[in-house]
Amino acid sequence: MPTVEEARLRMDAALDALRREFGTVRTGKATPALLDTVRVDAYGAKMPLNQVATISTPEPSMIVVQPFDKSLMSDIERAIMVADLGLNPMNDGNIIRVPIPPLNEERRKEFVKVLHKMAEEGRISIRHARRTVRDELHALVKDHELGEDEGRRREDALEKVTHEYSEKIDDLLKHKEEEVMAI
């Protein structure tokens, strides 16, 4: 039997995915999550950077990448450069330093647009979770397994949960947008 809790679980998953996506958007501060999208050609396959190296942020404007295998240094450096993050890694033979340049106003606005697009995708995921549970509710009412009044009550509860999660997305977006626009 479809429940509001089922929808809540799906919406939680969508919210978590959005948080992870937001983590990959650059702010003026260095975080290891910035390199989450980087894939390295290693051992005959494309691997996530965090599986071939340790990523740390010793200072707010620097990411340090220390490969587990020194033979991957140039592959990791190349992967960071082609990841379209606007970063220029520096290889010293042992570690790769990735300085995080300050963002200019134009670049900040581009990132805000990306954030809005990600937030909209999160809202779509939430609406999809709502639609799935609502369709299941309608099918139960149609098959007389659930009374119309109970179906309507559950649908109202589902709408409240949907609205609650939409507001959470808006709050996340607002917070991340402030972070990106802060100088």
C-alpha atoms as a PDB file:
ATOM      1  CA  MET A   1       0.000   0.000   0.000  1.00  0.00           C
ATOM      2  CA  PRO A   2       1.551   3.333  -1.062  1.00  0.00           C
ATOM      3  CA  THR A   3       2.194   5.655   1.824  1.00  0.00           C
ATOM      4  CA  VAL A   4       3.374   9.169   2.423  1.00  0.00           C
ATOM      5  CA  GLU A   5       6.433   7.624   4.098  1.00  0.00           C
ATOM      6  CA  GLU A   6       7.321   5.897   0.819  1.00  0.00           C
ATOM      7  CA  ALA A   7       7.178   9.261  -0.940  1.00  0.00           C
ATOM      8  CA  ARG A   8       9.199  10.838   1.884  1.00  0.00           C
ATOM      9  CA  LEU A   9      11.957   8.224   1.430  1.00  0.00           C
ATOM     10  CA  ARG A  10      12.123   8.896  -2.298  1.00  0.00           C
ATOM     11  CA  MET A  11      12.161  12.650  -1.715  1.00  0.00           C
ATOM     12  CA  ASP A  12      14.930  12.271   0.885  1.00  0.00           C
ATOM     13  CA  ALA A  13      16.990  10.413  -1.725  1.00  0.00           C
ATOM     14  CA  ALA A  14      16.393  13.232  -4.236  1.00  0.00           C
ATOM     15  CA  LEU A  15      17.424  15.830  -1.632  1.00  0.00           C
ATOM     16  CA  ASP A  16      20.605  13.905  -0.782  1.00  0.00           C
ATOM     17  CA  ALA A  17      21.496  13.664  -4.477  1.00  0.00           C
ATOM     18  CA  LEU A  18      20.980  17.428  -4.815  1.00  0.00           C
ATOM     19  CA  ARG A  19      23.243  18.094  -1.805  1.00  0.00           C
ATOM     20  CA  ARG A  20      25.977  15.986  -3.422  1.00  0.00           C
ATOM     21  CA  GLU A  21      25.532  17.837  -6.723  1.00  0.00           C
ATOM     22  CA  PHE A  22      25.685  21.219  -4.971  1.00  0.00           C
ATOM     23  CA  GLY A  23      28.931  20.087  -3.327  1.00  0.00           C
ATOM     24  CA  THR A  24      30.576  19.841  -6.739  1.00  0.00           C
ATOM     25  CA  VAL A  25      29.837  23.493  -7.572  1.00  0.00           C
ATOM     26  CA  ARG A  26      32.793  25.701  -6.857  1.00  0.00           C
ATOM     27  CA  THR A  27      32.638  28.462  -4.319  1.00  0.00           C
ATOM     28  CA  GLY A  28      35.563  30.647  -3.379  1.00  0.00           C
ATOM     29  CA  LYS A  29      36.606  27.987  -0.856  1.00  0.00           C
ATOM     30  CA  ALA A  30      38.445  24.724  -1.577  1.00  0.00           C
ATOM     31  CA  THR A  31      36.617  21.472  -0.779  1.00  0.00           C
ATOM     32  CA  PRO A  32      37.506  17.913  -1.812  1.00  0.00           C
ATOM     33  CA  ALA A  33      33.975  17.585  -3.260  1.00  0.00           C
ATOM     34  CA  LEU A  34      35.012  19.955  -6.083  1.00  0.00           C
ATOM     35  CA  LEU A  35      36.931  17.073  -7.629  1.00  0.00           C
ATOM     36  CA  ASP A  36      34.132  14.481  -7.260  1.00  0.00           C
ATOM     37  CA  THR A  37      33.331  14.662 -10.974  1.00  0.00           C
ATOM     38  CA  VAL A  38      36.944  14.089 -12.073  1.00  0.00           C
ATOM     39  CA  ARG A  39      37.552  10.711 -13.750  1.00  0.00           C
ATOM     40  CA  VAL A  40      41.107   9.444 -14.254  1.00  0.00           C
ATOM     41  CA  ASP A  41      42.309   7.022 -16.939  1.00  0.00           C
ATOM     42  CA  ALA A  42      43.921   4.456 -14.652  1.00  0.00           C
ATOM     43  CA  TYR A  43      44.596   0.762 -15.080  1.00  0.00           C
ATOM     44  CA  GLY A  44      42.680   0.636 -18.355  1.00  0.00           C
ATOM     45  CA  ALA A  45      39.474   2.207 -17.003  1.00  0.00           C
ATOM     46  CA  LYS A  46      38.031   5.606 -16.062  1.00  0.00           C
ATOM     47  CA  MET A  47      38.081   5.773 -12.282  1.00  0.00           C
ATOM     48  CA  PRO A  48      36.860   8.435  -9.840  1.00  0.00           C
ATOM     49  CA  LEU A  49      39.773  10.535  -8.587  1.00  0.00           C
ATOM     50  CA  ASN A  50      39.071   9.661  -4.947  1.00  0.00           C
ATOM     51  CA  GLN A  51      39.731   5.971  -5.754  1.00  0.00           C
ATOM     52  CA  VAL A  52      43.272   6.608  -7.022  1.00  0.00           C
ATOM     53  CA  ALA A  53      44.363   9.412  -4.688  1.00  0.00           C
ATOM     54  CA  THR A  54      43.880  11.088  -1.335  1.00  0.00           C
ATOM     55  CA  ILE A  55      42.274  14.524  -1.633  1.00  0.00           C
ATOM     56  CA  SER A  56      42.716  17.110   1.119  1.00  0.00           C
ATOM     57  CA  THR A  57      42.366  20.847   1.656  1.00  0.00           C
ATOM     58  CA  PRO A  58      45.231  22.086   3.848  1.00  0.00           C
ATOM     59  CA  GLU A  59      44.172  25.706   3.323  1.00  0.00           C
ATOM     60  CA  PRO A  60      41.002  27.481   2.086  1.00  0.00           C
ATOM     61  CA  SER A  61      42.387  28.177  -1.393  1.00  0.00           C
ATOM     62  CA  MET A  62      44.294  24.939  -2.081  1.00  0.00           C
ATOM     63  CA  ILE A  63      43.404  21.309  -2.777  1.00  0.00           C
ATOM     64  CA  VAL A  64      46.160  18.732  -2.473  1.00  0.00           C
ATOM     65  CA  VAL A  65      45.921  15.447  -4.379  1.00  0.00           C
ATOM     66  CA  GLN A  66      48.287  12.655  -3.332  1.00  0.00           C
ATOM     67  CA  PRO A  67      48.141   9.647  -5.692  1.00  0.00           C
ATOM     68  CA  PHE A  68      48.327   6.134  -4.223  1.00  0.00           C
ATOM     69  CA  ASP A  69      50.437   5.176  -7.253  1.00  0.00           C
ATOM     70  CA  LYS A  70      53.050   7.759  -8.387  1.00  0.00           C
ATOM     71  CA  SER A  71      52.854   6.447 -11.976  1.00  0.00           C
ATOM     72  CA  LEU A  72      49.392   8.054 -12.232  1.00  0.00           C
ATOM     73  CA  MET A  73      50.617  11.606 -11.526  1.00  0.00           C
ATOM     74  CA  SER A  74      50.404  12.846 -15.117  1.00  0.00           C
ATOM     75  CA  ASP A  75      47.063  11.061 -15.711  1.00  0.00           C
ATOM     76  CA  ILE A  76      45.565  12.695 -12.627  1.00  0.00           C
ATOM     77  CA  GLU A  77      46.940  16.101 -13.578  1.00  0.00           C
ATOM     78  CA  ARG A  78      45.481  15.766 -17.103  1.00  0.00           C
ATOM     79  CA  ALA A  79      42.099  14.591 -15.753  1.00  0.00           C
ATOM     80  CA  ILE A  80      41.825  17.664 -13.488  1.00  0.00           C
ATOM     81  CA  MET A  81      42.705  19.981 -16.397  1.00  0.00           C
ATOM     82  CA  VAL A  82      40.142  18.477 -18.812  1.00  0.00           C
ATOM     83  CA  ALA A  83      37.364  18.298 -16.186  1.00  0.00           C
ATOM     84  CA  ASP A  84      36.272  21.848 -17.160  1.00  0.00           C
ATOM     85  CA  LEU A  85      36.462  23.122 -13.596  1.00  0.00           C
ATOM     86  CA  GLY A  86      38.704  26.068 -14.440  1.00  0.00           C
ATOM     87  CA  LEU A  87      41.520  24.666 -12.304  1.00  0.00           C
ATOM     88  CA  ASN A  88      45.253  24.451 -13.119  1.00  0.00           C
ATOM     89  CA  PRO A  89      46.972  21.670 -11.175  1.00  0.00           C
ATOM     90  CA  MET A  90      50.690  21.872 -10.348  1.00  0.00           C
ATOM     91  CA  ASN A  91      52.634  18.602 -10.183  1.00  0.00           C
ATOM     92  CA  ASP A  92      55.792  18.548  -8.028  1.00  0.00           C
ATOM     93  CA  GLY A  93      56.566  14.835  -8.481  1.00  0.00           C
ATOM     94  CA  ASN A  94      55.039  13.702  -5.167  1.00  0.00           C
ATOM     95  CA  ILE A  95      51.743  15.555  -4.877  1.00  0.00           C
ATOM     96  CA  ILE A  96      49.528  17.660  -7.096  1.00  0.00           C
ATOM     97  CA  ARG A  97      48.583  21.071  -5.789  1.00  0.00           C
ATOM     98  CA  VAL A  98      45.394  22.586  -7.162  1.00  0.00           C
ATOM     99  CA  PRO A  99      45.110  26.294  -6.308  1.00  0.00           C
ATOM    100  CA  ILE A 100      41.548  27.581  -6.207  1.00  0.00           C
ATOM    101  CA  PRO A 101      41.518  30.970  -7.916  1.00  0.00           C
ATOM    102  CA  PRO A 102      39.062  33.568  -6.669  1.00  0.00           C
ATOM    103  CA  LEU A 103      35.896  33.687  -8.741  1.00  0.00           C
ATOM    104  CA  ASN A 104      35.083  36.764 -10.776  1.00  0.00           C
ATOM    105  CA  GLU A 105      31.543  38.145 -10.838  1.00  0.00           C
ATOM    106  CA  GLU A 106      30.736  36.672 -14.254  1.00  0.00           C
ATOM    107  CA  ARG A 107      31.866  33.171 -13.212  1.00  0.00           C
ATOM    108  CA  ARG A 108      29.853  33.417  -9.966  1.00  0.00           C
ATOM    109  CA  LYS A 109      26.712  34.220 -11.974  1.00  0.00           C
ATOM    110  CA  GLU A 110      27.375  31.232 -14.246  1.00  0.00           C
ATOM    111  CA  PHE A 111      27.634  28.985 -11.183  1.00  0.00           C
ATOM    112  CA  VAL A 112      24.363  30.384  -9.822  1.00  0.00           C
ATOM    113  CA  LYS A 113      22.676  29.454 -13.113  1.00  0.00           C
ATOM    114  CA  VAL A 114      24.087  25.935 -12.781  1.00  0.00           C
ATOM    115  CA  LEU A 115      22.755  25.774  -9.224  1.00  0.00           C
ATOM    116  CA  HIS A 116      19.277  26.818 -10.373  1.00  0.00           C
ATOM    117  CA  LYS A 117      19.337  24.105 -13.036  1.00  0.00           C
ATOM    118  CA  MET A 118      20.381  21.492 -10.450  1.00  0.00           C
ATOM    119  CA  ALA A 119      17.643  22.679  -8.073  1.00  0.00           C
ATOM    120  CA  GLU A 120      15.047  22.348 -10.834  1.00  0.00           C
ATOM    121  CA  GLU A 121      16.213  18.789 -11.494  1.00  0.00           C
ATOM    122  CA  GLY A 122      15.785  18.128  -7.757  1.00  0.00           C
ATOM    123  CA  ARG A 123      12.248  19.536  -7.867  1.00  0.00           C
ATOM    124  CA  ILE A 124      11.498  17.289 -10.852  1.00  0.00           C
ATOM    125  CA  SER A 125      12.687  14.265  -8.851  1.00  0.00           C
ATOM    126  CA  ILE A 126      10.417  15.266  -5.979  1.00  0.00           C
ATOM    127  CA  ARG A 127       7.430  15.715  -8.290  1.00  0.00           C
ATOM    128  CA  HIS A 128       8.191  12.321  -9.833  1.00  0.00           C
ATOM    129  CA  ALA A 129       8.121  10.699  -6.376  1.00  0.00           C
ATOM    130  CA  ARG A 130       4.802  12.441  -5.684  1.00  0.00           C
ATOM    131  CA  ARG A 131       3.325  11.329  -9.016  1.00  0.00           C
ATOM    132  CA  THR A 132       4.357   7.709  -8.473  1.00  0.00           C
ATOM    133  CA  VAL A 133       2.703   7.474  -5.050  1.00  0.00           C
ATOM    134  CA  ARG A 134      -0.332   9.475  -6.184  1.00  0.00           C
ATOM    135  CA  ASP A 135      -0.871   7.153  -9.161  1.00  0.00           C
ATOM    136  CA  GLU A 136      -0.681   4.146  -6.846  1.00  0.00           C
ATOM    137  CA  LEU A 137      -3.254   5.798  -4.552  1.00  0.00           C
ATOM    138  CA  HIS A 138      -5.596   6.464  -7.490  1.00  0.00           C
ATOM    139  CA  ALA A 139      -5.298   2.829  -8.592  1.00  0.00           C
ATOM    140  CA  LEU A 140      -6.235   1.623  -5.082  1.00  0.00           C
ATOM    141  CA  VAL A 141      -9.248   3.934  -4.951  1.00  0.00           C
ATOM    142  CA  LYS A 142     -10.314   2.815  -8.430  1.00  0.00           C
ATOM    143  CA  ASP A 143     -10.026  -0.859  -7.434  1.00  0.00           C
ATOM    144  CA  HIS A 144     -12.043  -0.122  -4.258  1.00  0.00           C
ATOM    145  CA  GLU A 145      -9.156  -1.253  -2.029  1.00  0.00           C
ATOM    146  CA  LEU A 146      -9.111   2.201  -0.473  1.00  0.00           C
ATOM    147  CA  GLY A 147     -12.038   4.496   0.250  1.00  0.00           C
ATOM    148  CA  GLU A 148     -12.281   7.802  -1.617  1.00  0.00           C
ATOM    149  CA  ASP A 149     -12.093   9.840   1.607  1.00  0.00           C
ATOM    150  CA  GLU A 150      -8.996   7.975   2.805  1.00  0.00           C
ATOM    151  CA  GLY A 151      -7.454   8.346  -0.668  1.00  0.00           C
ATOM    152  CA  ARG A 152      -8.082  12.090  -0.578  1.00  0.00           C
ATOM    153  CA  ARG A 153      -6.616  12.364   2.957  1.00  0.00           C
ATOM    154  CA  ARG A 154      -3.474  10.552   1.853  1.00  0.00           C
ATOM    155  CA  GLU A 155      -3.234  12.691  -1.257  1.00  0.00           C
ATOM    156  CA  ASP A 156      -3.495  15.850   0.873  1.00  0.00           C
ATOM    157  CA  ALA A 157      -0.740  14.544   3.156  1.00  0.00           C
ATOM    158  CA  LEU A 158       1.337  13.761   0.061  1.00  0.00           C
ATOM    159  CA  GLU A 159       0.914  17.344  -1.182  1.00  0.00           C
ATOM    160  CA  LYS A 160       2.059  18.705   2.203  1.00  0.00           C
ATOM    161  CA  VAL A 161       5.183  16.520   2.094  1.00  0.00           C
ATOM    162  CA  THR A 162       5.870  17.585  -1.498  1.00  0.00           C
ATOM    163  CA  HIS A 163       5.572  21.256  -0.506  1.00  0.00           C
ATOM    164  CA  GLU A 164       7.857  20.662   2.505  1.00  0.00           C
ATOM    165  CA  TYR A 165      10.564  19.131   0.298  1.00  0.00           C
ATOM    166  CA  SER A 166      10.236  21.871  -2.318  1.00  0.00           C
ATOM    167  CA  GLU A 167      10.884  24.398   0.444  1.00  0.00           C
ATOM    168  CA  LYS A 168      13.938  22.387   1.565  1.00  0.00           C
ATOM    169  CA  ILE A 169      15.298  22.597  -1.988  1.00  0.00           C
ATOM    170  CA  ASP A 170      14.670  26.342  -2.061  1.00  0.00           C
ATOM    171  CA  ASP A 171      16.513  26.718   1.273  1.00  0.00           C
ATOM    172  CA  LEU A 172      19.448  24.641   0.011  1.00  0.00           C
ATOM    173  CA  LEU A 173      19.590  26.707  -3.172  1.00  0.00           C
ATOM    174  CA  LYS A 174      19.434  29.999  -1.275  1.00  0.00           C
ATOM    175  CA  HIS A 175      22.253  28.926   1.077  1.00  0.00           C
ATOM    176  CA  LYS A 176      24.486  27.654  -1.728  1.00  0.00           C
ATOM    177  CA  GLU A 177      23.786  30.739  -3.855  1.00  0.00           C
ATOM    178  CA  GLU A 178      24.869  32.996  -0.954  1.00  0.00           C
ATOM    179  CA  GLU A 179      28.008  30.868  -0.577  1.00  0.00           C
ATOM    180  CA  VAL A 180      28.865  31.233  -4.280  1.00  0.00           C
ATOM    181  CA  MET A 181      28.180  34.957  -4.406  1.00  0.00           C
ATOM    182  CA  ALA A 182      30.170  35.717  -1.211  1.00  0.00           C
ATOM    183  CA  ILE A 183      33.460  37.383  -2.004  1.00  0.00           C
END
